[in-house]
Protein backbone atom coordinates (compact mmCIF):
# COMPACT_ATOMS: atom_id res chain seq x y z
CA MET A 1 -0.56 -19.59 -6.81
CA GLY A 2 -4.06 -20.38 -5.58
CA GLN A 3 -5.66 -19.40 -2.32
CA ARG A 4 -4.17 -21.22 0.67
CA SER A 5 -4.49 -20.91 4.41
CA ARG A 6 -2.40 -22.56 7.06
CA GLN A 7 -2.03 -22.27 10.80
CA HIS A 8 1.16 -23.14 12.63
CA ALA A 9 1.24 -25.65 15.45
CA GLY A 10 0.88 -24.13 18.87
CA GLN A 11 -1.04 -21.11 17.57
CA GLN A 12 -3.29 -19.49 20.15
CA PRO A 13 -4.85 -16.44 18.49
CA ASN A 14 -6.64 -15.26 21.60
CA ALA A 15 -3.90 -15.92 24.15
CA THR A 16 -2.79 -12.32 24.59
CA TRP A 17 -5.93 -10.87 26.19
CA PRO A 18 -8.61 -12.54 28.34
CA ARG A 19 -11.98 -12.75 26.63
CA GLY A 20 -14.38 -10.08 27.74
CA ALA A 21 -11.65 -7.55 28.57
CA ARG A 22 -12.34 -5.82 25.24
CA GLN A 23 -13.52 -6.68 21.76
CA SER A 24 -11.13 -9.01 19.95
CA LEU A 25 -8.80 -7.69 17.26
CA THR A 26 -7.19 -9.26 14.21
CA VAL A 27 -4.02 -7.61 12.93
CA LEU A 28 -3.79 -8.09 9.16
CA ILE A 29 -0.29 -7.87 7.64
CA PRO A 30 -0.24 -7.95 3.81
CA CYS A 31 3.24 -8.77 2.55
CA LYS A 32 5.54 -10.06 -0.17
CA ASP A 33 9.30 -10.57 0.22
CA GLU A 34 9.51 -8.74 3.55
CA CYS A 35 12.17 -10.83 5.29
CA ARG A 36 13.87 -7.65 6.55
CA ASN A 37 10.70 -6.29 8.12
CA ILE A 38 8.29 -9.05 9.06
CA ARG A 39 9.80 -10.06 12.42
CA ALA A 40 9.86 -6.52 13.84
CA CYS A 41 6.37 -5.82 12.50
CA ILE A 42 4.88 -8.93 14.12
CA GLU A 43 6.61 -8.27 17.44
CA SER A 44 5.23 -4.71 17.49
CA VAL A 45 1.60 -5.90 17.10
CA ARG A 46 1.69 -8.81 19.57
CA PRO A 47 0.60 -6.68 22.56
CA ILE A 48 -2.68 -5.73 20.84
CA ALA A 49 -3.52 -8.73 18.63
CA HIS A 50 -5.81 -11.64 19.44
CA GLU A 51 -5.01 -12.95 15.96
CA ILE A 52 -2.13 -12.13 13.61
CA LEU A 53 -3.14 -12.80 10.01
CA VAL A 54 -0.28 -12.68 7.49
CA ALA A 55 -1.58 -12.36 3.90
CA ASP A 56 1.24 -13.25 1.52
CA SER A 57 1.29 -12.76 -2.25
CA GLY A 58 4.16 -15.01 -3.29
CA SER A 59 7.20 -14.40 -1.09
CA THR A 60 10.38 -16.16 -2.21
CA ASP A 61 12.91 -14.56 0.18
CA GLY A 62 12.15 -16.60 3.31
CA THR A 63 9.45 -14.31 4.72
CA LEU A 64 7.03 -17.15 5.43
CA GLU A 65 9.74 -19.26 7.02
CA ILE A 66 10.40 -16.43 9.47
CA VAL A 67 6.66 -16.15 10.21
CA GLY A 68 6.52 -19.89 10.81
CA ARG A 69 9.39 -19.79 13.29
CA LEU A 70 7.78 -16.91 15.18
CA GLY A 71 4.56 -18.90 15.64
CA ASP A 72 1.13 -17.65 16.74
CA CYS A 73 0.37 -16.42 13.21
CA ARG A 74 -2.09 -17.58 10.58
CA ILE A 75 -0.90 -17.42 6.97
CA ILE A 76 -3.12 -17.03 3.92
CA GLU A 77 -1.77 -16.85 0.38
CA ARG A 78 -3.07 -15.63 -2.97
CA VAL A 79 -1.91 -14.12 -6.24
CA PHE A 80 -1.55 -10.31 -6.13
CA VAL A 81 -3.71 -8.31 -8.54
CA ASN A 82 -3.54 -4.92 -6.88
CA ASP A 83 -3.38 -3.57 -3.36
CA ALA A 84 -7.10 -2.93 -2.86
CA ASP A 85 -8.14 -6.23 -4.41
CA PHE A 86 -5.71 -8.16 -2.23
CA LYS A 87 -6.77 -6.51 1.02
CA ASN A 88 -10.46 -6.83 0.18
CA TRP A 89 -9.87 -10.57 -0.22
CA ALA A 90 -7.99 -10.82 3.08
CA ILE A 91 -10.23 -8.70 5.36
CA PRO A 92 -13.23 -11.12 5.48
CA GLN A 93 -10.88 -13.92 6.51
CA ALA A 94 -10.11 -12.25 9.84
CA ALA A 95 -11.43 -14.21 12.81
CA ASN A 96 -12.46 -11.07 14.73
CA SER A 97 -14.91 -8.26 14.06
CA TRP A 98 -12.28 -5.51 14.36
CA VAL A 99 -9.24 -5.49 12.06
CA LEU A 100 -6.06 -3.41 12.24
CA ILE A 101 -4.23 -3.30 8.88
CA VAL A 102 -0.46 -2.94 9.22
CA ASP A 103 2.06 -3.09 6.39
CA ALA A 104 5.25 -5.06 7.00
CA ASP A 105 7.42 -1.92 6.99
CA GLU A 106 5.33 -0.36 9.77
CA ARG A 107 5.52 -0.64 13.56
CA ILE A 108 2.83 -0.06 16.19
CA PRO A 109 4.16 2.03 19.11
CA ILE A 110 3.07 1.32 22.68
CA ALA A 111 1.06 4.55 22.86
CA LEU A 112 -1.03 3.43 19.88
CA VAL A 113 -1.55 0.01 21.49
CA ALA A 114 -3.04 1.74 24.53
CA GLU A 115 -5.21 4.01 22.38
CA ILE A 116 -6.66 1.12 20.38
CA GLU A 117 -7.19 -0.94 23.51
CA ALA A 118 -9.24 1.92 25.01
CA ILE A 119 -11.41 2.15 21.88
CA LEU A 120 -12.08 -1.59 21.76
CA ARG A 121 -13.22 -1.68 25.39
CA ASP A 122 -16.32 0.22 24.33
CA PRO A 123 -16.44 0.97 20.58
CA PRO A 124 -18.87 3.79 19.76
CA ASP A 125 -21.79 2.65 17.63
CA HIS A 126 -21.54 5.67 15.31
CA LEU A 127 -17.98 4.86 14.17
CA ASP A 128 -16.91 1.98 11.91
CA ALA A 129 -13.30 2.94 11.20
CA TYR A 130 -10.37 5.02 12.45
CA ARG A 131 -7.85 7.03 10.47
CA CYS A 132 -4.21 7.09 11.56
CA GLY A 133 -1.23 9.29 10.70
CA PHE A 134 2.33 8.13 10.07
CA GLN A 135 5.78 8.96 11.33
CA ASP A 136 7.82 8.50 8.16
CA PHE A 137 11.50 7.57 8.12
CA PHE A 138 13.81 8.21 5.17
CA LEU A 139 17.07 6.21 5.22
CA GLY A 140 16.62 5.93 8.98
CA HIS A 141 15.97 9.65 9.55
CA PRO A 142 12.60 10.63 11.08
CA LEU A 143 10.74 13.30 9.14
CA LYS A 144 8.66 15.89 10.93
CA TYR A 145 7.65 18.12 8.02
CA ALA A 146 8.55 16.44 4.71
CA ARG A 147 6.30 13.44 5.27
CA TRP A 148 4.69 11.96 2.17
CA ASP A 149 1.96 10.05 4.05
CA THR A 150 -1.10 12.13 4.88
CA GLY A 151 -2.91 9.43 6.84
CA SER A 152 -4.92 6.32 6.11
CA ILE A 153 -7.82 4.37 7.59
CA ARG A 154 -6.32 1.35 9.34
CA LEU A 155 -8.63 0.26 12.19
CA ILE A 156 -11.90 -1.05 10.75
CA ARG A 157 -14.97 -3.15 11.40
CA ARG A 158 -14.46 -6.30 9.34
CA ASP A 159 -18.05 -6.62 8.14
CA VAL A 160 -18.50 -2.98 7.10
CA CYS A 161 -15.30 -1.71 5.51
CA ARG A 162 -13.72 -2.42 2.11
CA TYR A 163 -11.19 -0.59 -0.04
CA GLN A 164 -12.03 1.49 -3.10
CA LYS A 165 -11.47 -0.31 -6.41
CA ARG A 166 -8.19 1.36 -7.35
CA ARG A 167 -4.79 0.01 -8.33
CA VAL A 168 -2.74 2.05 -5.88
CA HIS A 169 -3.21 4.18 -2.76
CA ALA A 170 -6.85 3.18 -2.33
CA ASP A 171 -8.60 4.20 0.88
CA ILE A 172 -11.50 2.59 2.69
CA ASP A 173 -14.80 3.36 0.95
CA ILE A 174 -16.94 4.62 3.83
CA ASP A 175 -19.03 7.60 4.91
CA ARG A 176 -16.49 9.98 6.46
CA ARG A 177 -18.94 10.77 9.26
CA ARG A 178 -18.37 7.23 10.52
CA VAL A 179 -14.56 7.60 10.69
CA GLY A 180 -12.75 8.49 13.89
CA ARG A 181 -9.15 9.62 14.36
CA LEU A 182 -6.27 7.97 16.19
CA ARG A 183 -3.89 10.46 17.78
CA THR A 184 -0.74 8.30 17.79
CA ARG A 185 1.12 7.79 14.52
CA ILE A 186 2.23 4.47 13.06
CA LEU A 187 6.00 4.28 12.58
CA HIS A 188 6.67 3.88 8.85
CA TYR A 189 10.13 2.65 7.78
CA SER A 190 9.25 2.76 4.10
CA ILE A 191 12.48 3.96 2.46
CA ARG A 192 15.67 2.29 3.67
CA SER A 193 17.74 3.04 0.56
CA TYR A 194 17.52 4.68 -2.84
CA GLU A 195 17.06 1.20 -4.31
CA ASP A 196 13.97 0.79 -2.09
CA PHE A 197 12.53 4.09 -3.27
CA ILE A 198 13.12 3.46 -6.96
CA SER A 199 11.71 -0.07 -6.78
CA LYS A 200 8.56 0.94 -4.91
CA TYR A 201 7.79 4.11 -6.79
CA ASN A 202 8.44 2.51 -10.15
CA ARG A 203 5.46 0.29 -9.32
CA TYR A 204 3.38 3.04 -7.74
CA THR A 205 3.84 5.50 -10.60
CA THR A 206 2.95 2.84 -13.18
CA TRP A 207 -0.22 1.87 -11.35
CA GLY A 208 -1.02 5.55 -10.81
CA ALA A 209 -0.58 6.34 -14.50
CA GLU A 210 -2.86 3.46 -15.50
CA GLU A 211 -5.45 4.64 -12.97
CA LEU A 212 -5.38 8.15 -14.44
CA TRP A 213 -5.63 6.77 -17.98
CA ASP A 214 -8.69 4.70 -17.09
CA ARG A 215 -10.32 7.80 -15.60
CA GLY A 216 -9.81 9.72 -18.83
CA ARG A 217 -6.91 11.89 -17.67
CA ARG A 218 -4.14 12.83 -20.10
CA ALA A 219 -0.66 14.29 -19.63
CA GLY A 220 0.22 17.72 -20.97
CA PHE A 221 2.64 20.59 -20.60
CA PHE A 222 1.20 21.67 -17.24
CA SER A 223 1.22 18.20 -15.68
CA LEU A 224 4.74 17.39 -16.86
CA LEU A 225 6.41 20.71 -16.06
CA ILE A 226 4.31 22.66 -13.57
CA ARG A 227 2.73 19.93 -11.42
CA PRO A 228 6.08 18.48 -10.18
CA ALA A 229 7.38 21.98 -9.40
CA LEU A 230 4.20 22.83 -7.47
CA ARG A 231 4.48 19.64 -5.44
CA PHE A 232 8.09 20.47 -4.56
CA LEU A 233 7.13 23.99 -3.46
CA ASN A 234 4.23 22.62 -1.42
CA MET A 235 6.34 20.01 0.38
CA TYR A 236 9.54 22.01 0.80
CA ILE A 237 8.26 25.55 1.41
CA ILE A 238 4.59 25.52 2.44
CA ARG A 239 4.82 22.35 4.57
CA ARG A 240 8.33 23.42 5.71
CA GLY A 241 10.19 20.35 4.54
CA PHE A 242 13.37 22.44 4.64
CA LEU A 243 13.31 22.11 8.44
CA ASP A 244 14.09 18.39 8.04
CA GLY A 245 17.51 19.26 6.65
CA LEU A 246 19.15 17.21 3.91
CA PRO A 247 16.80 14.21 4.38
CA GLY A 248 13.85 16.56 3.90
CA LEU A 249 15.36 18.10 0.78
CA GLN A 250 15.93 14.68 -0.78
CA VAL A 251 12.40 13.49 0.00
CA CYS A 252 10.81 16.63 -1.47
CA ILE A 253 12.87 16.33 -4.67
CA LEU A 254 12.18 12.61 -5.03
CA MET A 255 8.44 12.92 -4.45
CA ALA A 256 8.15 15.87 -6.85
CA PHE A 257 10.51 14.98 -9.66
CA PHE A 258 10.47 11.19 -9.49
CA SER A 259 7.06 10.27 -8.16
CA THR A 260 4.90 13.06 -9.60
CA PHE A 261 6.89 13.60 -12.80
CA ALA A 262 7.33 9.88 -13.53
CA LYS A 263 3.61 9.21 -13.09
CA GLN A 264 2.75 11.97 -15.55
CA GLY A 265 5.50 10.80 -17.92
CA LYS A 266 4.14 7.25 -17.86
CA LEU A 267 0.65 8.60 -18.49
CA TRP A 268 2.02 10.33 -21.57
CA GLN A 269 3.75 7.08 -22.56
CA ILE A 270 0.44 5.21 -22.46
CA GLU A 271 -1.22 7.91 -24.58
CA ASP A 272 1.66 8.00 -27.05
CA SER A 273 1.73 4.21 -27.38
CA ALA A 274 -2.05 4.04 -27.69
CA ALA A 275 -2.08 6.40 -30.67
CA PRO A 276 -1.31 3.63 -33.20
CA GLN A 277 -4.16 1.63 -31.65
CA ALA A 278 -6.71 4.12 -32.96
CA GLU A 279 -5.28 3.75 -36.44
CA ASN A 280 -5.29 -0.04 -36.09
CA ASP A 281 -8.92 0.03 -34.95
CA ARG A 282 -9.90 2.10 -37.96
CA ALA A 283 -8.02 -0.36 -40.19
CA GLY A 284 -9.64 -3.36 -38.50
CA GLN A 285 -6.42 -4.60 -36.94
CA SER A 286 -5.91 -5.79 -33.36
CA PRO A 287 -5.05 -3.33 -30.55
CA SER A 288 -1.46 -2.30 -29.96
CA TYR A 289 -1.72 -1.23 -26.31
CA ILE A 290 -0.97 -3.49 -23.36
CA ARG A 291 -0.39 -2.60 -19.74
CA LEU A 292 2.79 -0.95 -18.59
CA TYR A 293 2.97 -3.35 -15.69
CA ASP A 294 2.29 -7.04 -15.09
CA GLU A 295 0.23 -6.74 -11.89
CA SER A 296 0.21 -10.47 -11.20
CA SER A 297 3.99 -10.79 -11.08
CA GLN A 298 4.76 -7.23 -9.89
CA THR A 299 7.42 -7.12 -12.60
CA PRO A 300 7.78 -4.21 -15.03
CA THR A 301 6.99 -5.18 -18.62
CA ARG A 302 7.92 -3.60 -21.94
CA LEU A 303 5.14 -1.65 -23.59
CA ALA A 304 4.15 -3.50 -26.75
CA VAL A 305 3.40 -1.27 -29.71
CA GLY A 306 2.21 -2.38 -33.13
CA THR A 307 -0.24 -4.86 -34.49
CA SER A 308 -0.50 -8.43 -33.28
CA GLN A 309 1.26 -9.57 -36.47
CA GLU A 310 4.14 -7.16 -35.84
CA ARG A 311 4.45 -8.34 -32.24
CA ALA A 312 4.47 -11.96 -33.39
CA LYS A 313 7.32 -11.21 -35.77
CA ALA A 314 9.23 -9.42 -33.01
CA ALA A 315 8.81 -12.46 -30.74
């Protein structure tokens, strides 16, 4: 899928606020297959947005049809490589100089609308971005202590801010002295079921393992056994996740022994599968290692091990 942009009939990006009342804002919503979330997300940002820019990476579940029926949105489309790459492509296409980045499973509460509106009436010259916290929900239950999100930069100047070049969980690459803080949290309905969690964190842990591999990190006894246990103790005891009851217990276990452990296990898998590559290189044969994950399709792929001739025979 190439790059495409379309605007629906009747769109009036600047209809919500009179010009001159404050600086104009584009709300950027990156998405793929978010038919369950996209309507509520768009409705939550309407009070603050002069333009709603939906950046889609190949939805096939009717997401774009819902956006089209809602109207007053501009849609751009492109193949997904990774999260940072996709957002860095979308940000310059915003019509306004300030951009609020909102994922489809997030909602902007009224208090945050008022806070952003106040900032945009007279943005301070020494700040180019604002960090925001999250109110996480697990299977519909709000979490006060066992939250997995520690905050992210979401309100940015379009012409200044870009994401770090990372596969997953990249943040805006900017001098921290030029980052302000929003007091109100974004509502984050990330995990609606165990299927949601497994699907998302299967992708995240694969991308995370590849990122660690590229940075020269390797898995070992400590990272496989001790690191997950330490994360559980940190989330459940030190950050008092136990006060969130059974939802908190489940989140702490999942984040420690699925997210952290699986990422380290996949890092070990890459290392283990890459071992024959060194022998192949010494023997003058083609590499045996390919990526754990097909980033363009967002579909898990089997790790191919062996020489090119062996893989051809297997095919």
